[in-house]
Amino acid sequence: MRRLERFVASRGWVVAVVLSSGCAGAPADSVRREIQARYVRASSEAVAARTYTDAESTHQWIDTPDCTYTNTDRPPRSWSEMRSEVEAGLRTRLLAFSTEIQSLQVHGDGATAVALVTGTARITDDRGELGPKGATHDVVTTATVRDEWVKTADGWRRRSHVKIVPNKITQVDGKPFGR
């Protein structure tokens, strides 16, 4: 189970769809569309990613060069410090990502999005924690993230990604899972 949790943690930087209010000098709908388009593209790329180079390609267009990534139990880290987690996460196939925005605040050329992220992965349960040992399951996890965005010459870019509620398994093979 730790492998799946590490996988989801490493992928947390690429997901969410944002609904927004407004931004100084830009109609609210255009801000929402631009950030949403970036999240949708990043989510699609996360599902398709097979190598670290794939993940890094997404990082280069969605994040600012100094973007930081914080899991609930770790200090903020840079992209290069996240490399081992990103590589470990790529070993587990991601089937889908979706996001439900809890809130979005726009302030000048910045925005803060809080989102419930849902990811689905197919895993083999080597320890028998979800059923028979060695069985393969579709596992749905959720986490809550807070992303800080900044308007740049290249459009909206993410400056920080913070997981504020850790990964939690919510479904196994389409059935609710509670711990």
C-alpha atoms as a PDB file:
ATOM      1  CA  MET A   1       0.000   0.000   0.000  1.00  0.00           C
ATOM      2  CA  ARG A   2       2.902   2.375   0.657  1.00  0.00           C
ATOM      3  CA  ARG A   3       3.889   2.035  -3.010  1.00  0.00           C
ATOM      4  CA  LEU A   4       0.485   3.348  -4.100  1.00  0.00           C
ATOM      5  CA  GLU A   5       0.609   6.175  -1.554  1.00  0.00           C
ATOM      6  CA  ARG A   6       4.089   7.193  -2.771  1.00  0.00           C
ATOM      7  CA  PHE A   7       2.846   7.005  -6.347  1.00  0.00           C
ATOM      8  CA  VAL A   8      -0.124   9.275  -5.706  1.00  0.00           C
ATOM      9  CA  ALA A   9       2.045  11.680  -3.693  1.00  0.00           C
ATOM     10  CA  SER A  10       4.516  11.936  -6.542  1.00  0.00           C
ATOM     11  CA  ARG A  11       1.747  12.647  -9.031  1.00  0.00           C
ATOM     12  CA  GLY A  12      -0.028  15.218  -6.896  1.00  0.00           C
ATOM     13  CA  TRP A  13       1.687  18.073  -8.717  1.00  0.00           C
ATOM     14  CA  VAL A  14      -0.176  17.463 -11.942  1.00  0.00           C
ATOM     15  CA  VAL A  15      -3.832  17.466 -11.178  1.00  0.00           C
ATOM     16  CA  ALA A  16      -6.893  19.645 -10.743  1.00  0.00           C
ATOM     17  CA  VAL A  17      -9.476  21.570 -12.705  1.00  0.00           C
ATOM     18  CA  VAL A  18     -10.100  25.108 -11.549  1.00  0.00           C
ATOM     19  CA  LEU A  19     -13.201  27.252 -11.405  1.00  0.00           C
ATOM     20  CA  SER A  20     -12.396  30.851 -10.612  1.00  0.00           C
ATOM     21  CA  SER A  21     -13.778  34.210  -9.746  1.00  0.00           C
ATOM     22  CA  GLY A  22     -11.890  37.071 -11.375  1.00  0.00           C
ATOM     23  CA  CYS A  23      -8.484  38.611 -11.863  1.00  0.00           C
ATOM     24  CA  ALA A  24      -7.565  42.276 -12.080  1.00  0.00           C
ATOM     25  CA  GLY A  25      -7.563  43.169 -15.742  1.00  0.00           C
ATOM     26  CA  ALA A  26      -8.927  39.825 -16.955  1.00  0.00           C
ATOM     27  CA  PRO A  27     -12.508  38.570 -17.132  1.00  0.00           C
ATOM     28  CA  ALA A  28     -13.189  35.755 -14.661  1.00  0.00           C
ATOM     29  CA  ASP A  29     -14.147  33.322 -17.407  1.00  0.00           C
ATOM     30  CA  SER A  30     -10.862  33.749 -19.275  1.00  0.00           C
ATOM     31  CA  VAL A  31      -8.836  33.133 -16.086  1.00  0.00           C
ATOM     32  CA  ARG A  32     -10.874  30.013 -15.364  1.00  0.00           C
ATOM     33  CA  ARG A  33     -10.512  28.707 -18.911  1.00  0.00           C
ATOM     34  CA  GLU A  34      -6.736  29.204 -19.011  1.00  0.00           C
ATOM     35  CA  ILE A  35      -6.024  27.544 -15.673  1.00  0.00           C
ATOM     36  CA  GLN A  36      -8.517  24.774 -16.378  1.00  0.00           C
ATOM     37  CA  ALA A  37      -6.934  24.092 -19.753  1.00  0.00           C
ATOM     38  CA  ARG A  38      -3.505  23.770 -18.105  1.00  0.00           C
ATOM     39  CA  TYR A  39      -4.832  21.358 -15.493  1.00  0.00           C
ATOM     40  CA  VAL A  40      -6.686  19.260 -18.061  1.00  0.00           C
ATOM     41  CA  ARG A  41      -3.583  19.006 -20.237  1.00  0.00           C
ATOM     42  CA  ALA A  42      -1.387  18.134 -17.243  1.00  0.00           C
ATOM     43  CA  SER A  43      -3.854  15.461 -16.091  1.00  0.00           C
ATOM     44  CA  SER A  44      -3.883  13.876 -19.532  1.00  0.00           C
ATOM     45  CA  GLU A  45      -0.090  13.943 -19.682  1.00  0.00           C
ATOM     46  CA  ALA A  46       0.123  12.342 -16.221  1.00  0.00           C
ATOM     47  CA  VAL A  47      -1.953   9.388 -17.387  1.00  0.00           C
ATOM     48  CA  ALA A  48       0.205   9.023 -20.512  1.00  0.00           C
ATOM     49  CA  ALA A  49       3.591   9.554 -18.764  1.00  0.00           C
ATOM     50  CA  ARG A  50       5.979   6.604 -18.807  1.00  0.00           C
ATOM     51  CA  THR A  51       9.359   8.234 -18.130  1.00  0.00           C
ATOM     52  CA  TYR A  52      10.844  10.939 -15.969  1.00  0.00           C
ATOM     53  CA  THR A  53      11.365  12.962 -19.148  1.00  0.00           C
ATOM     54  CA  ASP A  54       7.592  12.832 -19.745  1.00  0.00           C
ATOM     55  CA  ALA A  55       6.907  14.134 -16.233  1.00  0.00           C
ATOM     56  CA  GLU A  56       9.593  16.796 -16.532  1.00  0.00           C
ATOM     57  CA  SER A  57       8.095  18.016 -19.785  1.00  0.00           C
ATOM     58  CA  THR A  58       4.811  18.704 -17.971  1.00  0.00           C
ATOM     59  CA  HIS A  59       6.647  20.409 -15.107  1.00  0.00           C
ATOM     60  CA  GLN A  60       8.412  22.771 -17.532  1.00  0.00           C
ATOM     61  CA  TRP A  61       5.230  24.296 -18.951  1.00  0.00           C
ATOM     62  CA  ILE A  62       2.894  24.195 -15.936  1.00  0.00           C
ATOM     63  CA  ASP A  63       5.230  25.267 -13.114  1.00  0.00           C
ATOM     64  CA  THR A  64       7.454  28.262 -12.526  1.00  0.00           C
ATOM     65  CA  PRO A  65      11.173  27.353 -12.370  1.00  0.00           C
ATOM     66  CA  ASP A  66      11.160  27.950  -8.595  1.00  0.00           C
ATOM     67  CA  CYS A  67       7.924  26.040  -7.879  1.00  0.00           C
ATOM     68  CA  THR A  68       7.920  24.123  -4.582  1.00  0.00           C
ATOM     69  CA  TYR A  69       6.117  20.887  -3.731  1.00  0.00           C
ATOM     70  CA  THR A  70       5.007  20.026  -0.222  1.00  0.00           C
ATOM     71  CA  ASN A  71       3.449  16.791   1.012  1.00  0.00           C
ATOM     72  CA  THR A  72       1.618  16.832   4.339  1.00  0.00           C
ATOM     73  CA  ASP A  73       4.522  15.157   6.159  1.00  0.00           C
ATOM     74  CA  ARG A  74       7.510  16.749   4.394  1.00  0.00           C
ATOM     75  CA  PRO A  75       9.100  20.184   4.059  1.00  0.00           C
ATOM     76  CA  PRO A  76       8.824  22.067   0.739  1.00  0.00           C
ATOM     77  CA  ARG A  77      11.057  20.651  -2.001  1.00  0.00           C
ATOM     78  CA  SER A  78      12.198  21.698  -5.439  1.00  0.00           C
ATOM     79  CA  TRP A  79      11.540  19.737  -8.609  1.00  0.00           C
ATOM     80  CA  SER A  80      15.023  18.202  -8.538  1.00  0.00           C
ATOM     81  CA  GLU A  81      14.484  17.084  -4.930  1.00  0.00           C
ATOM     82  CA  MET A  82      11.237  15.354  -6.012  1.00  0.00           C
ATOM     83  CA  ARG A  83      12.928  13.278  -8.733  1.00  0.00           C
ATOM     84  CA  SER A  84      13.095   9.967  -6.836  1.00  0.00           C
ATOM     85  CA  GLU A  85       9.404  10.189  -5.885  1.00  0.00           C
ATOM     86  CA  VAL A  86       8.378  11.087  -9.423  1.00  0.00           C
ATOM     87  CA  GLU A  87      10.349   8.136 -10.809  1.00  0.00           C
ATOM     88  CA  ALA A  88       8.866   5.770  -8.192  1.00  0.00           C
ATOM     89  CA  GLY A  89       5.371   6.977  -9.018  1.00  0.00           C
ATOM     90  CA  LEU A  90       5.835   6.224 -12.696  1.00  0.00           C
ATOM     91  CA  ARG A  91       6.207   2.510 -11.875  1.00  0.00           C
ATOM     92  CA  THR A  92       2.494   2.321 -11.046  1.00  0.00           C
ATOM     93  CA  ARG A  93       0.164   2.906 -13.992  1.00  0.00           C
ATOM     94  CA  LEU A  94      -2.250   5.766 -13.510  1.00  0.00           C
ATOM     95  CA  LEU A  95      -5.613   5.047 -15.148  1.00  0.00           C
ATOM     96  CA  ALA A  96      -7.366   8.380 -14.525  1.00  0.00           C
ATOM     97  CA  PHE A  97      -7.290  11.721 -12.731  1.00  0.00           C
ATOM     98  CA  SER A  98     -10.155  14.047 -11.914  1.00  0.00           C
ATOM     99  CA  THR A  99     -10.573  17.066  -9.677  1.00  0.00           C
ATOM    100  CA  GLU A 100     -13.329  18.930  -7.864  1.00  0.00           C
ATOM    101  CA  ILE A 101     -12.401  22.466  -6.887  1.00  0.00           C
ATOM    102  CA  GLN A 102     -13.361  23.332  -3.332  1.00  0.00           C
ATOM    103  CA  SER A 103     -12.453  27.024  -3.630  1.00  0.00           C
ATOM    104  CA  LEU A 104     -10.534  29.503  -5.769  1.00  0.00           C
ATOM    105  CA  GLN A 105      -9.407  32.973  -4.794  1.00  0.00           C
ATOM    106  CA  VAL A 106      -7.965  35.364  -7.361  1.00  0.00           C
ATOM    107  CA  HIS A 107      -5.811  38.232  -6.120  1.00  0.00           C
ATOM    108  CA  GLY A 108      -4.295  40.546  -8.715  1.00  0.00           C
ATOM    109  CA  ASP A 109      -1.918  38.494 -10.836  1.00  0.00           C
ATOM    110  CA  GLY A 110      -2.140  35.514  -8.474  1.00  0.00           C
ATOM    111  CA  ALA A 111      -4.657  32.814  -7.645  1.00  0.00           C
ATOM    112  CA  THR A 112      -5.050  30.143  -4.972  1.00  0.00           C
ATOM    113  CA  ALA A 113      -6.907  26.946  -5.827  1.00  0.00           C
ATOM    114  CA  VAL A 114      -7.926  24.313  -3.274  1.00  0.00           C
ATOM    115  CA  ALA A 115      -8.945  21.085  -4.968  1.00  0.00           C
ATOM    116  CA  LEU A 116      -9.998  17.545  -4.132  1.00  0.00           C
ATOM    117  CA  VAL A 117      -7.911  15.346  -6.422  1.00  0.00           C
ATOM    118  CA  THR A 118      -9.055  11.842  -7.318  1.00  0.00           C
ATOM    119  CA  GLY A 119      -6.740   9.344  -8.988  1.00  0.00           C
ATOM    120  CA  THR A 120      -7.279   5.771 -10.110  1.00  0.00           C
ATOM    121  CA  ALA A 121      -4.493   3.208 -10.450  1.00  0.00           C
ATOM    122  CA  ARG A 122      -4.431  -0.526 -11.089  1.00  0.00           C
ATOM    123  CA  ILE A 123      -2.220  -2.204  -8.506  1.00  0.00           C
ATOM    124  CA  THR A 124      -1.269  -5.713  -7.502  1.00  0.00           C
ATOM    125  CA  ASP A 125      -1.810  -6.198  -3.786  1.00  0.00           C
ATOM    126  CA  ASP A 126       1.267  -8.236  -2.832  1.00  0.00           C
ATOM    127  CA  ARG A 127       0.457  -8.071   0.891  1.00  0.00           C
ATOM    128  CA  GLY A 128      -3.251  -8.939   0.827  1.00  0.00           C
ATOM    129  CA  GLU A 129      -4.321  -5.624   2.375  1.00  0.00           C
ATOM    130  CA  LEU A 130      -7.282  -5.189   0.011  1.00  0.00           C
ATOM    131  CA  GLY A 131      -8.292  -8.810  -0.504  1.00  0.00           C
ATOM    132  CA  PRO A 132      -6.508 -11.976  -1.577  1.00  0.00           C
ATOM    133  CA  LYS A 133      -2.711 -11.730  -1.687  1.00  0.00           C
ATOM    134  CA  GLY A 134      -1.468 -11.082  -5.218  1.00  0.00           C
ATOM    135  CA  ALA A 135      -4.857  -9.914  -6.572  1.00  0.00           C
ATOM    136  CA  THR A 136      -5.006  -6.914  -8.921  1.00  0.00           C
ATOM    137  CA  HIS A 137      -7.338  -4.052  -7.988  1.00  0.00           C
ATOM    138  CA  ASP A 138      -8.471  -0.703  -9.348  1.00  0.00           C
ATOM    139  CA  VAL A 139      -7.809   1.634  -6.428  1.00  0.00           C
ATOM    140  CA  VAL A 140      -9.218   5.147  -6.155  1.00  0.00           C
ATOM    141  CA  THR A 141      -7.450   7.630  -3.900  1.00  0.00           C
ATOM    142  CA  THR A 142      -8.190  11.216  -2.980  1.00  0.00           C
ATOM    143  CA  ALA A 143      -6.098  14.051  -1.603  1.00  0.00           C
ATOM    144  CA  THR A 144      -6.683  17.762  -1.121  1.00  0.00           C
ATOM    145  CA  VAL A 145      -4.172  20.202  -2.582  1.00  0.00           C
ATOM    146  CA  ARG A 146      -3.622  23.950  -2.504  1.00  0.00           C
ATOM    147  CA  ASP A 147      -1.919  25.421  -5.560  1.00  0.00           C
ATOM    148  CA  GLU A 148      -0.618  28.975  -5.820  1.00  0.00           C
ATOM    149  CA  TRP A 149      -0.709  30.336  -9.366  1.00  0.00           C
ATOM    150  CA  VAL A 150       0.924  33.424 -10.848  1.00  0.00           C
ATOM    151  CA  LYS A 151       0.218  35.184 -14.138  1.00  0.00           C
ATOM    152  CA  THR A 152       3.384  35.275 -16.288  1.00  0.00           C
ATOM    153  CA  ALA A 153       4.222  36.271 -19.843  1.00  0.00           C
ATOM    154  CA  ASP A 154       3.627  32.576 -20.681  1.00  0.00           C
ATOM    155  CA  GLY A 155       0.193  32.542 -19.023  1.00  0.00           C
ATOM    156  CA  TRP A 156      -0.780  31.138 -15.630  1.00  0.00           C
ATOM    157  CA  ARG A 157       1.957  29.065 -13.992  1.00  0.00           C
ATOM    158  CA  ARG A 158       1.940  27.191 -10.720  1.00  0.00           C
ATOM    159  CA  ARG A 159       4.334  28.589  -8.074  1.00  0.00           C
ATOM    160  CA  SER A 160       3.627  26.086  -5.308  1.00  0.00           C
ATOM    161  CA  HIS A 161       1.776  22.836  -4.804  1.00  0.00           C
ATOM    162  CA  VAL A 162       0.873  21.811  -1.255  1.00  0.00           C
ATOM    163  CA  LYS A 163      -0.915  18.610  -0.285  1.00  0.00           C
ATOM    164  CA  ILE A 164      -3.013  19.761   2.668  1.00  0.00           C
ATOM    165  CA  VAL A 165      -4.903  16.487   3.223  1.00  0.00           C
ATOM    166  CA  PRO A 166      -2.934  13.269   2.621  1.00  0.00           C
ATOM    167  CA  ASN A 167      -3.825  10.497   0.201  1.00  0.00           C
ATOM    168  CA  LYS A 168      -6.698   8.297   1.267  1.00  0.00           C
ATOM    169  CA  ILE A 169      -8.035   5.184  -0.436  1.00  0.00           C
ATOM    170  CA  THR A 170     -11.750   5.721  -1.065  1.00  0.00           C
ATOM    171  CA  GLN A 171     -12.664   2.834  -3.406  1.00  0.00           C
ATOM    172  CA  VAL A 172     -11.346  -0.569  -4.329  1.00  0.00           C
ATOM    173  CA  ASP A 173     -12.771  -2.216  -7.439  1.00  0.00           C
ATOM    174  CA  GLY A 174     -15.689   0.230  -7.489  1.00  0.00           C
ATOM    175  CA  LYS A 175     -16.698  -0.393  -3.861  1.00  0.00           C
ATOM    176  CA  PRO A 176     -16.327   2.110  -1.009  1.00  0.00           C
ATOM    177  CA  PHE A 177     -13.261   1.558   1.133  1.00  0.00           C
ATOM    178  CA  GLY A 178     -13.092   2.950   4.656  1.00  0.00           C
ATOM    179  CA  ARG A 179     -10.359   2.945   7.212  1.00  0.00           C
END
